[in-house]
C-alpha atoms as a PDB file:
ATOM      1  CA  UNK A   1       7.468   0.611  25.547  1.00  0.00           C
ATOM      2  CA  UNK A   2       6.678   1.798  22.002  1.00  0.00           C
ATOM      3  CA  UNK A   3       3.415   1.079  20.254  1.00  0.00           C
ATOM      4  CA  UNK A   4       3.464  -0.482  16.787  1.00  0.00           C
ATOM      5  CA  UNK A   5       0.552  -0.138  14.366  1.00  0.00           C
ATOM      6  CA  UNK A   6      -0.326  -1.751  11.021  1.00  0.00           C
ATOM      7  CA  UNK A   7      -3.255  -1.437   8.647  1.00  0.00           C
ATOM      8  CA  UNK A   8      -4.909  -4.750   7.751  1.00  0.00           C
ATOM      9  CA  UNK A   9      -6.270  -4.442   4.215  1.00  0.00           C
ATOM     10  CA  UNK A  10      -9.356  -6.292   2.981  1.00  0.00           C
ATOM     11  CA  UNK A  11      -9.351  -8.203  -0.304  1.00  0.00           C
ATOM     12  CA  UNK A  12     -11.843  -8.910  -3.042  1.00  0.00           C
ATOM     13  CA  UNK A  13     -11.842 -11.807  -5.499  1.00  0.00           C
ATOM     14  CA  UNK A  14     -11.995 -10.613  -9.095  1.00  0.00           C
ATOM     15  CA  UNK A  15     -12.355 -14.282 -10.054  1.00  0.00           C
ATOM     16  CA  UNK A  16     -12.835 -17.391  -7.934  1.00  0.00           C
ATOM     17  CA  UNK A  17     -13.013 -20.998  -9.118  1.00  0.00           C
ATOM     18  CA  UNK A  18     -12.664 -24.189  -7.078  1.00  0.00           C
ATOM     19  CA  UNK A  19     -10.292 -26.633  -8.774  1.00  0.00           C
ATOM     20  CA  UNK A  20     -10.496 -29.621  -6.434  1.00  0.00           C
ATOM     21  CA  UNK A  21     -10.723 -30.998  -2.917  1.00  0.00           C
ATOM     22  CA  UNK A  22      -7.827 -32.423  -0.914  1.00  0.00           C
ATOM     23  CA  UNK A  23      -7.978 -35.482   1.387  1.00  0.00           C
ATOM     24  CA  UNK A  24      -7.737 -33.203   4.442  1.00  0.00           C
ATOM     25  CA  UNK A  25     -10.950 -31.435   3.382  1.00  0.00           C
ATOM     26  CA  UNK A  26      -9.344 -28.246   2.098  1.00  0.00           C
ATOM     27  CA  UNK A  27     -10.390 -27.059  -1.353  1.00  0.00           C
ATOM     28  CA  UNK A  28      -7.944 -25.896  -3.994  1.00  0.00           C
ATOM     29  CA  UNK A  29      -8.703 -22.657  -5.795  1.00  0.00           C
ATOM     30  CA  UNK A  30      -7.751 -20.523  -8.756  1.00  0.00           C
ATOM     31  CA  UNK A  31      -8.529 -16.923  -7.989  1.00  0.00           C
ATOM     32  CA  UNK A  32      -7.409 -13.382  -8.711  1.00  0.00           C
ATOM     33  CA  UNK A  33      -7.105 -11.479  -5.430  1.00  0.00           C
ATOM     34  CA  UNK A  34      -7.083  -7.707  -5.136  1.00  0.00           C
ATOM     35  CA  UNK A  35      -6.334  -5.708  -1.979  1.00  0.00           C
ATOM     36  CA  UNK A  36      -8.575  -2.711  -1.317  1.00  0.00           C
ATOM     37  CA  UNK A  37      -8.189   0.342   0.903  1.00  0.00           C
ATOM     38  CA  UNK A  38     -10.912  -0.786   3.328  1.00  0.00           C
ATOM     39  CA  UNK A  39      -8.904  -1.826   6.369  1.00  0.00           C
ATOM     40  CA  UNK A  40      -8.803  -2.735  10.021  1.00  0.00           C
ATOM     41  CA  UNK A  41      -6.111  -1.278  12.260  1.00  0.00           C
ATOM     42  CA  UNK A  42      -4.027  -3.507  14.515  1.00  0.00           C
ATOM     43  CA  UNK A  43      -1.783  -2.107  17.261  1.00  0.00           C
ATOM     44  CA  UNK A  44       0.710  -3.869  19.489  1.00  0.00           C
ATOM     45  CA  UNK A  45       2.048  -2.789  22.848  1.00  0.00           C
ATOM     46  CA  UNK A  46       4.732  -4.740  24.652  1.00  0.00           C
ATOM     47  CA  UNK A  47       3.919  -5.738  28.222  1.00  0.00           C
ATOM     48  CA  UNK A  48       5.995  -7.721  30.682  1.00  0.00           C
ATOM     49  CA  UNK A  49       3.764 -10.593  31.775  1.00  0.00           C
ATOM     50  CA  UNK A  50       4.637 -13.158  29.091  1.00  0.00           C
ATOM     51  CA  UNK A  51       0.998 -13.363  27.943  1.00  0.00           C
ATOM     52  CA  UNK A  52      -0.958 -12.562  24.777  1.00  0.00           C
ATOM     53  CA  UNK A  53      -3.761 -10.044  25.244  1.00  0.00           C
ATOM     54  CA  UNK A  54      -6.310  -8.796  22.717  1.00  0.00           C
ATOM     55  CA  UNK A  55      -9.003  -6.135  22.870  1.00  0.00           C
ATOM     56  CA  UNK A  56     -11.319  -4.969  20.120  1.00  0.00           C
ATOM     57  CA  UNK A  57     -13.467  -2.049  19.071  1.00  0.00           C
ATOM     58  CA  UNK A  58     -16.648  -4.126  18.686  1.00  0.00           C
ATOM     59  CA  UNK A  59     -18.432  -6.081  21.408  1.00  0.00           C
ATOM     60  CA  UNK A  60     -18.973  -9.274  19.454  1.00  0.00           C
ATOM     61  CA  UNK A  61     -15.283  -9.643  18.592  1.00  0.00           C
ATOM     62  CA  UNK A  62     -13.840 -12.840  20.114  1.00  0.00           C
ATOM     63  CA  UNK A  63     -10.615 -12.010  21.937  1.00  0.00           C
ATOM     64  CA  UNK A  64      -9.297 -15.458  22.792  1.00  0.00           C
ATOM     65  CA  UNK A  65      -7.800 -18.335  20.853  1.00  0.00           C
ATOM     66  CA  UNK A  66     -10.658 -18.231  18.348  1.00  0.00           C
ATOM     67  CA  UNK A  67      -9.336 -14.891  17.054  1.00  0.00           C
ATOM     68  CA  UNK A  68      -6.843 -14.975  14.177  1.00  0.00           C
ATOM     69  CA  UNK A  69      -4.629 -12.293  15.780  1.00  0.00           C
ATOM     70  CA  UNK A  70      -4.267 -14.396  18.917  1.00  0.00           C
ATOM     71  CA  UNK A  71      -3.538 -17.537  16.864  1.00  0.00           C
ATOM     72  CA  UNK A  72      -1.031 -15.672  14.701  1.00  0.00           C
ATOM     73  CA  UNK A  73       0.856 -14.558  17.812  1.00  0.00           C
ATOM     74  CA  UNK A  74       0.908 -18.107  19.186  1.00  0.00           C
ATOM     75  CA  UNK A  75       2.127 -19.444  15.830  1.00  0.00           C
ATOM     76  CA  UNK A  76       4.822 -16.741  15.617  1.00  0.00           C
ATOM     77  CA  UNK A  77       6.331 -17.508  19.012  1.00  0.00           C
ATOM     78  CA  UNK A  78       6.163 -21.258  18.421  1.00  0.00           C
ATOM     79  CA  UNK A  79       7.796 -21.031  14.976  1.00  0.00           C
ATOM     80  CA  UNK A  80      10.553 -18.594  15.939  1.00  0.00           C
ATOM     81  CA  UNK A  81      11.314 -19.909  19.408  1.00  0.00           C
ATOM     82  CA  UNK A  82      11.301 -16.269  20.538  1.00  0.00           C
ATOM     83  CA  UNK A  83      10.204 -16.052  24.161  1.00  0.00           C
ATOM     84  CA  UNK A  84       7.027 -14.007  24.438  1.00  0.00           C
ATOM     85  CA  UNK A  85       7.863 -10.983  26.605  1.00  0.00           C
ATOM     86  CA  UNK A  86       4.158 -10.152  26.784  1.00  0.00           C
ATOM     87  CA  UNK A  87       2.166  -8.501  24.017  1.00  0.00           C
ATOM     88  CA  UNK A  88      -1.132  -6.670  23.980  1.00  0.00           C
ATOM     89  CA  UNK A  89      -2.996  -6.204  20.694  1.00  0.00           C
ATOM     90  CA  UNK A  90      -5.725  -3.665  20.029  1.00  0.00           C
ATOM     91  CA  UNK A  91      -7.956  -4.304  17.020  1.00  0.00           C
ATOM     92  CA  UNK A  92     -10.011  -1.540  15.426  1.00  0.00           C
ATOM     93  CA  UNK A  93     -12.497  -3.325  13.159  1.00  0.00           C
ATOM     94  CA  UNK A  94     -13.944  -1.865   9.970  1.00  0.00           C
ATOM     95  CA  UNK A  95     -13.960  -4.928   7.720  1.00  0.00           C
ATOM     96  CA  UNK A  96     -17.250  -6.748   8.362  1.00  0.00           C
ATOM     97  CA  UNK A  97     -17.193 -10.385   9.406  1.00  0.00           C
ATOM     98  CA  UNK A  98     -18.610 -13.278   7.323  1.00  0.00           C
ATOM     99  CA  UNK A  99     -18.244 -11.100   4.256  1.00  0.00           C
ATOM    100  CA  UNK A 100     -15.669 -12.884   2.074  1.00  0.00           C
ATOM    101  CA  UNK A 101     -13.323  -9.887   2.425  1.00  0.00           C
ATOM    102  CA  UNK A 102     -10.527 -11.658   4.303  1.00  0.00           C
ATOM    103  CA  UNK A 103     -10.761  -9.523   7.443  1.00  0.00           C
ATOM    104  CA  UNK A 104      -9.548 -12.214   9.827  1.00  0.00           C
ATOM    105  CA  UNK A 105      -6.655 -13.139   7.538  1.00  0.00           C
ATOM    106  CA  UNK A 106      -5.703  -9.478   7.114  1.00  0.00           C
ATOM    107  CA  UNK A 107      -5.670  -9.020  10.897  1.00  0.00           C
ATOM    108  CA  UNK A 108      -3.449 -12.089  11.315  1.00  0.00           C
ATOM    109  CA  UNK A 109      -1.043 -10.809   8.642  1.00  0.00           C
ATOM    110  CA  UNK A 110      -0.839  -7.422  10.364  1.00  0.00           C
ATOM    111  CA  UNK A 111      -0.150  -9.118  13.701  1.00  0.00           C
ATOM    112  CA  UNK A 112       2.724 -11.102  12.170  1.00  0.00           C
ATOM    113  CA  UNK A 113       4.254  -7.955  10.686  1.00  0.00           C
ATOM    114  CA  UNK A 114       3.950  -6.200  14.046  1.00  0.00           C
ATOM    115  CA  UNK A 115       5.602  -9.052  15.921  1.00  0.00           C
ATOM    116  CA  UNK A 116       8.400  -9.200  13.361  1.00  0.00           C
ATOM    117  CA  UNK A 117       9.097  -5.500  14.013  1.00  0.00           C
ATOM    118  CA  UNK A 118       8.609  -5.589  17.751  1.00  0.00           C
ATOM    119  CA  UNK A 119      10.764  -8.682  18.313  1.00  0.00           C
ATOM    120  CA  UNK A 120      13.426  -7.658  15.740  1.00  0.00           C
ATOM    121  CA  UNK A 121      13.297 -11.149  14.224  1.00  0.00           C
ATOM    122  CA  UNK A 122      13.847  -9.868  10.641  1.00  0.00           C
ATOM    123  CA  UNK A 123      11.848 -12.711   9.092  1.00  0.00           C
ATOM    124  CA  UNK A 124      11.330 -12.566   5.332  1.00  0.00           C
ATOM    125  CA  UNK A 125       7.870 -12.314   3.786  1.00  0.00           C
ATOM    126  CA  UNK A 126       8.193 -15.983   2.762  1.00  0.00           C
ATOM    127  CA  UNK A 127       8.969 -16.988   6.352  1.00  0.00           C
ATOM    128  CA  UNK A 128       6.062 -14.958   7.696  1.00  0.00           C
ATOM    129  CA  UNK A 129       3.811 -16.517   5.039  1.00  0.00           C
ATOM    130  CA  UNK A 130       4.791 -19.988   6.162  1.00  0.00           C
ATOM    131  CA  UNK A 131       3.742 -19.117   9.696  1.00  0.00           C
ATOM    132  CA  UNK A 132       0.594 -17.350   8.478  1.00  0.00           C
ATOM    133  CA  UNK A 133      -0.551 -20.359   6.477  1.00  0.00           C
ATOM    134  CA  UNK A 134      -0.975 -22.281   9.742  1.00  0.00           C
ATOM    135  CA  UNK A 135      -3.546 -19.643  10.756  1.00  0.00           C
ATOM    136  CA  UNK A 136      -5.472 -19.289   7.489  1.00  0.00           C
ATOM    137  CA  UNK A 137      -5.141 -19.921   3.755  1.00  0.00           C
ATOM    138  CA  UNK A 138      -5.564 -16.227   2.843  1.00  0.00           C
ATOM    139  CA  UNK A 139      -2.911 -14.934   5.264  1.00  0.00           C
ATOM    140  CA  UNK A 140      -0.016 -15.271   2.759  1.00  0.00           C
ATOM    141  CA  UNK A 141      -1.854 -13.017   0.290  1.00  0.00           C
ATOM    142  CA  UNK A 142      -2.649 -10.505   3.038  1.00  0.00           C
ATOM    143  CA  UNK A 143       1.096 -10.312   3.707  1.00  0.00           C
ATOM    144  CA  UNK A 144       1.775  -9.755  -0.009  1.00  0.00           C
ATOM    145  CA  UNK A 145      -1.145  -7.442  -0.926  1.00  0.00           C
ATOM    146  CA  UNK A 146      -1.745  -5.880  -4.342  1.00  0.00           C
ATOM    147  CA  UNK A 147      -2.995  -7.973  -7.283  1.00  0.00           C
ATOM    148  CA  UNK A 148      -2.126 -11.670  -7.413  1.00  0.00           C
ATOM    149  CA  UNK A 149      -3.162 -15.046  -8.770  1.00  0.00           C
ATOM    150  CA  UNK A 150      -3.803 -17.468  -5.901  1.00  0.00           C
ATOM    151  CA  UNK A 151      -3.632 -21.221  -6.437  1.00  0.00           C
ATOM    152  CA  UNK A 152      -3.362 -24.299  -4.245  1.00  0.00           C
ATOM    153  CA  UNK A 153      -5.387 -23.561  -1.119  1.00  0.00           C
ATOM    154  CA  UNK A 154      -4.497 -19.895  -1.637  1.00  0.00           C
ATOM    155  CA  UNK A 155      -0.837 -20.046  -0.652  1.00  0.00           C
ATOM    156  CA  UNK A 156       0.672 -20.270  -4.166  1.00  0.00           C
ATOM    157  CA  UNK A 157       0.831 -16.644  -5.210  1.00  0.00           C
ATOM    158  CA  UNK A 158       1.905 -15.016  -8.463  1.00  0.00           C
ATOM    159  CA  UNK A 159       2.024 -11.236  -8.533  1.00  0.00           C
ATOM    160  CA  UNK A 160       0.039  -9.775 -11.441  1.00  0.00           C
ATOM    161  CA  UNK A 161      -0.106  -6.426 -13.263  1.00  0.00           C
ATOM    162  CA  UNK A 162      -2.134  -4.053 -11.085  1.00  0.00           C
ATOM    163  CA  UNK A 163      -5.845  -3.455 -11.400  1.00  0.00           C
ATOM    164  CA  UNK A 164      -6.191  -0.138 -13.300  1.00  0.00           C
ATOM    165  CA  UNK A 165      -7.319   2.947 -11.328  1.00  0.00           C
ATOM    166  CA  UNK A 166     -10.975   2.656 -10.387  1.00  0.00           C
ATOM    167  CA  UNK A 167     -13.406   3.130  -7.528  1.00  0.00           C
ATOM    168  CA  UNK A 168     -14.832   0.176  -5.645  1.00  0.00           C
ATOM    169  CA  UNK A 169     -18.114   0.082  -3.738  1.00  0.00           C
ATOM    170  CA  UNK A 170     -18.405  -2.762  -1.246  1.00  0.00           C
ATOM    171  CA  UNK A 171     -21.786  -3.658   0.252  1.00  0.00           C
ATOM    172  CA  UNK A 172     -22.430  -6.356   2.835  1.00  0.00           C
ATOM    173  CA  UNK A 173     -26.029  -7.269   3.671  1.00  0.00           C
ATOM    174  CA  UNK A 174     -26.925  -7.856   7.302  1.00  0.00           C
ATOM    175  CA  UNK A 175     -26.790 -11.638   6.909  1.00  0.00           C
ATOM    176  CA  UNK A 176     -23.333 -13.192   6.672  1.00  0.00           C
ATOM    177  CA  UNK A 177     -22.119 -16.499   5.320  1.00  0.00           C
ATOM    178  CA  UNK A 178     -19.781 -18.838   7.195  1.00  0.00           C
ATOM    179  CA  UNK A 179     -16.911 -20.233   5.146  1.00  0.00           C
ATOM    180  CA  UNK A 180     -17.687 -23.815   6.144  1.00  0.00           C
ATOM    181  CA  UNK A 181     -21.363 -23.372   5.230  1.00  0.00           C
ATOM    182  CA  UNK A 182     -20.430 -21.928   1.831  1.00  0.00           C
ATOM    183  CA  UNK A 183     -18.084 -24.779   0.945  1.00  0.00           C
ATOM    184  CA  UNK A 184     -20.600 -27.413   2.060  1.00  0.00           C
ATOM    185  CA  UNK A 185     -23.227 -25.856  -0.228  1.00  0.00           C
ATOM    186  CA  UNK A 186     -20.734 -25.777  -3.080  1.00  0.00           C
ATOM    187  CA  UNK A 187     -19.846 -29.453  -2.568  1.00  0.00           C
ATOM    188  CA  UNK A 188     -23.525 -30.406  -2.670  1.00  0.00           C
ATOM    189  CA  UNK A 189     -24.027 -28.512  -5.903  1.00  0.00           C
ATOM    190  CA  UNK A 190     -20.944 -29.842  -7.697  1.00  0.00           C
ATOM    191  CA  UNK A 191     -20.662 -26.470  -9.497  1.00  0.00           C
ATOM    192  CA  UNK A 192     -17.064 -25.375  -9.038  1.00  0.00           C
ATOM    193  CA  UNK A 193     -16.479 -22.911 -11.877  1.00  0.00           C
ATOM    194  CA  UNK A 194     -17.892 -19.423 -12.311  1.00  0.00           C
ATOM    195  CA  UNK A 195     -15.442 -17.521 -14.495  1.00  0.00           C
ATOM    196  CA  UNK A 196     -12.510 -17.616 -16.900  1.00  0.00           C
ATOM    197  CA  UNK A 197      -9.432 -16.704 -14.907  1.00  0.00           C
ATOM    198  CA  UNK A 198      -7.110 -17.016 -17.922  1.00  0.00           C
ATOM    199  CA  UNK A 199      -9.056 -14.267 -19.689  1.00  0.00           C
ATOM    200  CA  UNK A 200      -8.883 -12.172 -16.538  1.00  0.00           C
ATOM    201  CA  UNK A 201      -5.087 -12.524 -16.536  1.00  0.00           C
ATOM    202  CA  UNK A 202      -4.982 -11.338 -20.166  1.00  0.00           C
ATOM    203  CA  UNK A 203      -7.242  -8.374 -19.346  1.00  0.00           C
ATOM    204  CA  UNK A 204      -4.994  -7.357 -16.442  1.00  0.00           C
ATOM    205  CA  UNK A 205      -1.925  -7.546 -18.666  1.00  0.00           C
ATOM    206  CA  UNK A 206      -3.644  -5.176 -21.105  1.00  0.00           C
ATOM    207  CA  UNK A 207      -4.814  -2.887 -18.305  1.00  0.00           C
ATOM    208  CA  UNK A 208      -8.316  -2.785 -19.784  1.00  0.00           C
ATOM    209  CA  UNK A 209     -10.855  -2.100 -17.016  1.00  0.00           C
ATOM    210  CA  UNK A 210     -13.897  -2.837 -19.181  1.00  0.00           C
ATOM    211  CA  UNK A 211     -12.455  -6.209 -20.153  1.00  0.00           C
ATOM    212  CA  UNK A 212     -11.485  -6.925 -16.550  1.00  0.00           C
ATOM    213  CA  UNK A 213     -15.054  -6.117 -15.537  1.00  0.00           C
ATOM    214  CA  UNK A 214     -16.408  -8.529 -18.154  1.00  0.00           C
ATOM    215  CA  UNK A 215     -14.335 -11.401 -16.719  1.00  0.00           C
ATOM    216  CA  UNK A 216     -15.287 -11.086 -13.031  1.00  0.00           C
ATOM    217  CA  UNK A 217     -17.001 -14.136 -11.597  1.00  0.00           C
ATOM    218  CA  UNK A 218     -17.345 -16.314  -8.518  1.00  0.00           C
ATOM    219  CA  UNK A 219     -18.332 -19.991  -8.351  1.00  0.00           C
ATOM    220  CA  UNK A 220     -19.951 -19.468  -4.933  1.00  0.00           C
ATOM    221  CA  UNK A 221     -22.600 -17.107  -6.305  1.00  0.00           C
ATOM    222  CA  UNK A 222     -24.488 -20.052  -7.783  1.00  0.00           C
ATOM    223  CA  UNK A 223     -24.897 -21.752  -4.402  1.00  0.00           C
ATOM    224  CA  UNK A 224     -25.290 -18.864  -1.932  1.00  0.00           C
ATOM    225  CA  UNK A 225     -28.826 -18.931  -0.477  1.00  0.00           C
ATOM    226  CA  UNK A 226     -29.126 -15.141   0.011  1.00  0.00           C
ATOM    227  CA  UNK A 227     -31.427 -13.274  -2.403  1.00  0.00           C
ATOM    228  CA  UNK A 228     -29.772 -10.008  -1.274  1.00  0.00           C
ATOM    229  CA  UNK A 229     -26.707 -10.855  -3.363  1.00  0.00           C
ATOM    230  CA  UNK A 230     -28.615 -10.568  -6.646  1.00  0.00           C
ATOM    231  CA  UNK A 231     -30.448  -7.474  -5.428  1.00  0.00           C
ATOM    232  CA  UNK A 232     -27.217  -5.664  -4.539  1.00  0.00           C
ATOM    233  CA  UNK A 233     -25.601  -6.659  -7.828  1.00  0.00           C
ATOM    234  CA  UNK A 234     -28.594  -5.361  -9.764  1.00  0.00           C
ATOM    235  CA  UNK A 235     -28.547  -2.017  -7.923  1.00  0.00           C
ATOM    236  CA  UNK A 236     -24.826  -1.613  -8.566  1.00  0.00           C
ATOM    237  CA  UNK A 237     -25.171  -2.341 -12.277  1.00  0.00           C
ATOM    238  CA  UNK A 238     -28.160  -0.016 -12.570  1.00  0.00           C
ATOM    239  CA  UNK A 239     -26.034   2.699 -10.925  1.00  0.00           C
ATOM    240  CA  UNK A 240     -23.404   2.325 -13.634  1.00  0.00           C
ATOM    241  CA  UNK A 241     -20.973  -0.236 -12.239  1.00  0.00           C
ATOM    242  CA  UNK A 242     -18.747  -1.795 -14.892  1.00  0.00           C
ATOM    243  CA  UNK A 243     -19.029  -5.067 -12.926  1.00  0.00           C
ATOM    244  CA  UNK A 244     -20.686  -6.363  -9.767  1.00  0.00           C
ATOM    245  CA  UNK A 245     -19.641  -9.620  -8.119  1.00  0.00           C
ATOM    246  CA  UNK A 246     -19.697 -11.368  -4.764  1.00  0.00           C
ATOM    247  CA  UNK A 247     -16.347 -11.601  -2.989  1.00  0.00           C
ATOM    248  CA  UNK A 248     -14.978 -14.863  -1.605  1.00  0.00           C
ATOM    249  CA  UNK A 249     -17.594 -17.014   0.074  1.00  0.00           C
ATOM    250  CA  UNK A 250     -19.771 -13.945   0.630  1.00  0.00           C
ATOM    251  CA  UNK A 251     -21.872 -12.203   1.595  1.00  0.00           C
ATOM    252  CA  UNK A 252     -20.215  -8.912   0.540  1.00  0.00           C
ATOM    253  CA  UNK A 253     -20.656  -7.715  -3.047  1.00  0.00           C
ATOM    254  CA  UNK A 254     -18.314  -5.291  -4.793  1.00  0.00           C
ATOM    255  CA  UNK A 255     -18.863  -3.035  -7.765  1.00  0.00           C
ATOM    256  CA  UNK A 256     -16.132  -1.621 -10.012  1.00  0.00           C
ATOM    257  CA  UNK A 257     -16.665   1.972 -11.188  1.00  0.00           C
ATOM    258  CA  UNK A 258     -14.728   4.115 -13.625  1.00  0.00           C
ATOM    259  CA  UNK A 259     -16.533   7.330 -12.651  1.00  0.00           C
ATOM    260  CA  UNK A 260     -16.604   8.940  -9.212  1.00  0.00           C
ATOM    261  CA  UNK A 261     -20.110  10.396  -9.604  1.00  0.00           C
ATOM    262  CA  UNK A 262     -21.580   6.936 -10.342  1.00  0.00           C
ATOM    263  CA  UNK A 263     -19.771   5.333  -7.420  1.00  0.00           C
ATOM    264  CA  UNK A 264     -21.041   8.022  -5.013  1.00  0.00           C
ATOM    265  CA  UNK A 265     -24.611   7.718  -6.264  1.00  0.00           C
ATOM    266  CA  UNK A 266     -24.499   3.934  -5.904  1.00  0.00           C
ATOM    267  CA  UNK A 267     -23.123   4.094  -2.353  1.00  0.00           C
ATOM    268  CA  UNK A 268     -25.752   6.650  -1.300  1.00  0.00           C
ATOM    269  CA  UNK A 269     -28.496   4.440  -2.714  1.00  0.00           C
ATOM    270  CA  UNK A 270     -27.243   1.279  -1.004  1.00  0.00           C
ATOM    271  CA  UNK A 271     -26.793   3.008   2.370  1.00  0.00           C
ATOM    272  CA  UNK A 272     -30.535   3.564   2.536  1.00  0.00           C
ATOM    273  CA  UNK A 273     -31.003  -0.211   2.767  1.00  0.00           C
ATOM    274  CA  UNK A 274     -27.813  -1.938   3.924  1.00  0.00           C
ATOM    275  CA  UNK A 275     -25.771  -1.410   7.109  1.00  0.00           C
ATOM    276  CA  UNK A 276     -22.288  -1.858   5.677  1.00  0.00           C
ATOM    277  CA  UNK A 277     -21.408   0.124   2.548  1.00  0.00           C
ATOM    278  CA  UNK A 278     -17.846   1.256   1.840  1.00  0.00           C
ATOM    279  CA  UNK A 279     -16.257   3.303  -0.934  1.00  0.00           C
ATOM    280  CA  UNK A 280     -12.626   2.407  -1.559  1.00  0.00           C
ATOM    281  CA  UNK A 281      -9.877   1.967  -4.135  1.00  0.00           C
ATOM    282  CA  UNK A 282      -7.459  -0.797  -5.066  1.00  0.00           C
ATOM    283  CA  UNK A 283      -4.571  -0.940  -2.587  1.00  0.00           C
ATOM    284  CA  UNK A 284      -0.960  -1.578  -3.577  1.00  0.00           C
ATOM    285  CA  UNK A 285       1.977  -1.861  -1.151  1.00  0.00           C
ATOM    286  CA  UNK A 286       4.835   0.615  -1.476  1.00  0.00           C
END
């Protein structure tokens, strides 16, 4: 049986505001998402036992129903009515967990694309997104990739002009932040806004990196209890970053750079202190 492989691309939030809270507990957002070249790699091999199997490259990776790849496969077979012939997924992790980089959602999106190819179901991106939304709110964007405005709980997506060419340094401190914990802290604070997304949209339309940098912001930064966030941001800005901002619910911080020498110097500096530092670029699908 052939193997199928997909890259699962991380995302950063150039802006992130919380616009409300629904009766079911979900929060609505207004955020500009950007895919980056930091990625996991998901592979699928067909078996013949009618089961879903998952193995990973890191010990702490859950490989049962708590994993988004496993849940995406279950949701795919349930939604399509396609009988599972038996599938085995292998997950090579590079995107750190509890980072606000959408790693779990990216893995789920990759799994759905793989199943669509393997099972020859020819589902559209919209149909895959509908399935993906049952797994996680960021999965539809991870199927789309590129630059997009996300609204609703993250499922209402509007493609935007691309982020101009730049280098991105991503740094995650050792401590992570759970999504539930981050939203609970935000609810207690009542501070839902951290940026001006409309101005970010205008900056993207003009393709002005310095203006884009000036409009980055994240409502969660005001409520995150990790002093490392401010320390990483300060180091990035001192190294010449045009902007430094936390991504998602944290704890990863990204810096935007317009010069390769500054980005390299910043990454080298951060690697002396922090375990997870990545140099990447914006990612756009073909």
